[in-house]
Amino acid sequence: KKIEVEDVSKKFCFSNCIQFRPLVFLSLLFIMVGSLVPVILRQSNGVYFKMMYPKCTIKHAYQVLQINDGICDGFANNYECGFDGGDCVNFNIAYPSCNAENPESV
């Protein structure tokens, strides 16, 4: 018994037979990439950091990248900076009275 297979790819065509599936895929890809651009720009210029820690004062812009990086940095080990974004919590529990400049070396 022969099985007949119908070519349905021609059914979903626009004006000059532009395929529907690639058009949807490219549209979704552009939407996803376009929506990530503002997020990346806000992250790189510190907008999200200022929203999360509005009273945290840091001396240099590169120090924003050191917040919540897994290393306890002394300049951000305070309440205003969220104890280095949570990096210094274990250090503060282990050494509650220590005010080291570089807590990772303790």
C-alpha atoms as a PDB file:
ATOM      1  CA  LYS A   1       0.000   0.000   0.000  1.00  0.00           C
ATOM      2  CA  LYS A   2       1.396   3.406  -0.964  1.00  0.00           C
ATOM      3  CA  ILE A   3       1.265   6.303   1.465  1.00  0.00           C
ATOM      4  CA  GLU A   4       0.670   9.640  -0.123  1.00  0.00           C
ATOM      5  CA  VAL A   5       2.398  12.597   1.494  1.00  0.00           C
ATOM      6  CA  GLU A   6       1.106  16.058   0.830  1.00  0.00           C
ATOM      7  CA  ASP A   7       3.540  18.988   0.651  1.00  0.00           C
ATOM      8  CA  VAL A   8       2.080  21.464   3.138  1.00  0.00           C
ATOM      9  CA  SER A   9       5.013  23.886   2.992  1.00  0.00           C
ATOM     10  CA  LYS A  10       3.334  25.808   0.164  1.00  0.00           C
ATOM     11  CA  LYS A  11       0.158  26.375   2.184  1.00  0.00           C
ATOM     12  CA  PHE A  12       1.816  28.768   4.623  1.00  0.00           C
ATOM     13  CA  CYS A  13       3.227  31.259   2.160  1.00  0.00           C
ATOM     14  CA  PHE A  14       2.851  34.992   1.878  1.00  0.00           C
ATOM     15  CA  SER A  15       2.985  37.142  -1.264  1.00  0.00           C
ATOM     16  CA  ASN A  16       5.937  35.592  -3.109  1.00  0.00           C
ATOM     17  CA  CYS A  17       5.952  32.411  -1.053  1.00  0.00           C
ATOM     18  CA  ILE A  18       7.950  33.702   1.905  1.00  0.00           C
ATOM     19  CA  GLN A  19       7.965  30.876   4.395  1.00  0.00           C
ATOM     20  CA  PHE A  20       6.014  31.533   7.585  1.00  0.00           C
ATOM     21  CA  ARG A  21       8.222  29.647  10.080  1.00  0.00           C
ATOM     22  CA  PRO A  22      11.523  31.473   9.308  1.00  0.00           C
ATOM     23  CA  LEU A  23       9.681  34.788   9.376  1.00  0.00           C
ATOM     24  CA  VAL A  24       8.295  34.078  12.859  1.00  0.00           C
ATOM     25  CA  PHE A  25      11.681  32.824  14.049  1.00  0.00           C
ATOM     26  CA  LEU A  26      13.514  35.946  12.842  1.00  0.00           C
ATOM     27  CA  SER A  27      10.840  38.206  14.316  1.00  0.00           C
ATOM     28  CA  LEU A  28      11.124  36.549  17.735  1.00  0.00           C
ATOM     29  CA  LEU A  29      14.920  36.650  17.551  1.00  0.00           C
ATOM     30  CA  PHE A  30      14.919  40.396  16.860  1.00  0.00           C
ATOM     31  CA  ILE A  31      12.443  41.002  19.686  1.00  0.00           C
ATOM     32  CA  MET A  32      14.553  39.011  22.159  1.00  0.00           C
ATOM     33  CA  VAL A  33      17.827  40.693  21.195  1.00  0.00           C
ATOM     34  CA  GLY A  34      16.174  44.106  21.142  1.00  0.00           C
ATOM     35  CA  SER A  35      14.770  43.640  24.628  1.00  0.00           C
ATOM     36  CA  LEU A  36      18.170  42.645  26.037  1.00  0.00           C
ATOM     37  CA  VAL A  37      19.945  45.793  24.844  1.00  0.00           C
ATOM     38  CA  PRO A  38      18.385  48.119  27.483  1.00  0.00           C
ATOM     39  CA  VAL A  39      19.105  45.573  30.223  1.00  0.00           C
ATOM     40  CA  ILE A  40      22.763  45.322  29.221  1.00  0.00           C
ATOM     41  CA  LEU A  41      23.127  49.110  29.022  1.00  0.00           C
ATOM     42  CA  ARG A  42      21.556  49.662  32.453  1.00  0.00           C
ATOM     43  CA  GLN A  43      23.691  46.935  33.982  1.00  0.00           C
ATOM     44  CA  SER A  44      26.907  48.326  32.519  1.00  0.00           C
ATOM     45  CA  ASN A  45      26.354  51.926  33.634  1.00  0.00           C
ATOM     46  CA  GLY A  46      25.300  51.010  37.185  1.00  0.00           C
ATOM     47  CA  VAL A  47      21.598  51.877  37.105  1.00  0.00           C
ATOM     48  CA  TYR A  48      20.564  48.538  38.629  1.00  0.00           C
ATOM     49  CA  PHE A  49      23.268  48.806  41.278  1.00  0.00           C
ATOM     50  CA  LYS A  50      22.019  52.262  42.317  1.00  0.00           C
ATOM     51  CA  MET A  51      18.455  50.943  42.473  1.00  0.00           C
ATOM     52  CA  MET A  52      19.447  48.014  44.687  1.00  0.00           C
ATOM     53  CA  TYR A  53      21.883  49.890  46.967  1.00  0.00           C
ATOM     54  CA  PRO A  54      20.914  53.587  46.818  1.00  0.00           C
ATOM     55  CA  LYS A  55      22.969  54.618  49.869  1.00  0.00           C
ATOM     56  CA  CYS A  56      26.100  52.650  48.955  1.00  0.00           C
ATOM     57  CA  THR A  57      28.984  54.982  48.209  1.00  0.00           C
ATOM     58  CA  ILE A  58      31.898  53.607  46.271  1.00  0.00           C
ATOM     59  CA  LYS A  59      34.993  55.501  45.185  1.00  0.00           C
ATOM     60  CA  HIS A  60      35.582  54.001  41.746  1.00  0.00           C
ATOM     61  CA  ALA A  61      33.167  52.854  39.039  1.00  0.00           C
ATOM     62  CA  TYR A  62      34.968  49.529  38.541  1.00  0.00           C
ATOM     63  CA  GLN A  63      34.122  48.599  42.134  1.00  0.00           C
ATOM     64  CA  VAL A  64      30.498  48.055  41.084  1.00  0.00           C
ATOM     65  CA  LEU A  65      31.682  44.869  39.380  1.00  0.00           C
ATOM     66  CA  GLN A  66      33.183  43.633  42.656  1.00  0.00           C
ATOM     67  CA  ILE A  67      29.844  43.707  44.494  1.00  0.00           C
ATOM     68  CA  ASN A  68      28.298  40.219  44.726  1.00  0.00           C
ATOM     69  CA  ASP A  69      31.172  38.515  42.899  1.00  0.00           C
ATOM     70  CA  GLY A  70      31.801  35.816  45.499  1.00  0.00           C
ATOM     71  CA  ILE A  71      34.734  37.636  47.159  1.00  0.00           C
ATOM     72  CA  CYS A  72      34.296  39.687  50.314  1.00  0.00           C
ATOM     73  CA  ASP A  73      35.669  43.172  49.605  1.00  0.00           C
ATOM     74  CA  GLY A  74      36.349  45.467  52.545  1.00  0.00           C
ATOM     75  CA  PHE A  75      35.132  48.689  50.922  1.00  0.00           C
ATOM     76  CA  ALA A  76      31.588  47.298  50.567  1.00  0.00           C
ATOM     77  CA  ASN A  77      31.339  45.365  53.828  1.00  0.00           C
ATOM     78  CA  ASN A  78      28.656  47.587  55.310  1.00  0.00           C
ATOM     79  CA  TYR A  79      24.894  47.715  55.619  1.00  0.00           C
ATOM     80  CA  GLU A  80      24.468  50.312  52.838  1.00  0.00           C
ATOM     81  CA  CYS A  81      26.173  48.040  50.292  1.00  0.00           C
ATOM     82  CA  GLY A  82      24.379  44.915  51.469  1.00  0.00           C
ATOM     83  CA  PHE A  83      27.581  43.532  52.990  1.00  0.00           C
ATOM     84  CA  ASP A  84      29.171  43.343  49.546  1.00  0.00           C
ATOM     85  CA  GLY A  85      25.972  42.012  48.020  1.00  0.00           C
ATOM     86  CA  GLY A  86      26.010  39.074  50.429  1.00  0.00           C
ATOM     87  CA  ASP A  87      29.667  38.129  49.901  1.00  0.00           C
ATOM     88  CA  CYS A  88      30.689  39.164  53.427  1.00  0.00           C
ATOM     89  CA  VAL A  89      27.870  37.506  55.370  1.00  0.00           C
ATOM     90  CA  ASN A  90      29.897  34.391  56.304  1.00  0.00           C
ATOM     91  CA  PHE A  91      32.911  36.547  57.177  1.00  0.00           C
ATOM     92  CA  ASN A  92      30.809  38.766  59.455  1.00  0.00           C
ATOM     93  CA  ILE A  93      29.331  35.726  61.212  1.00  0.00           C
ATOM     94  CA  ALA A  94      32.766  34.156  61.757  1.00  0.00           C
ATOM     95  CA  TYR A  95      34.535  37.419  62.763  1.00  0.00           C
ATOM     96  CA  PRO A  96      31.845  39.802  64.084  1.00  0.00           C
ATOM     97  CA  SER A  97      34.218  42.471  65.465  1.00  0.00           C
ATOM     98  CA  CYS A  98      36.778  42.436  62.633  1.00  0.00           C
ATOM     99  CA  ASN A  99      37.052  45.509  60.424  1.00  0.00           C
ATOM    100  CA  ALA A 100      39.745  44.257  58.037  1.00  0.00           C
ATOM    101  CA  GLU A 101      40.586  46.274  54.955  1.00  0.00           C
ATOM    102  CA  ASN A 102      40.855  43.057  52.936  1.00  0.00           C
ATOM    103  CA  PRO A 103      38.663  40.415  54.617  1.00  0.00           C
ATOM    104  CA  GLU A 104      39.641  37.679  52.140  1.00  0.00           C
ATOM    105  CA  SER A 105      43.179  37.658  53.563  1.00  0.00           C
ATOM    106  CA  VAL A 106      41.988  36.916  57.113  1.00  0.00           C
END
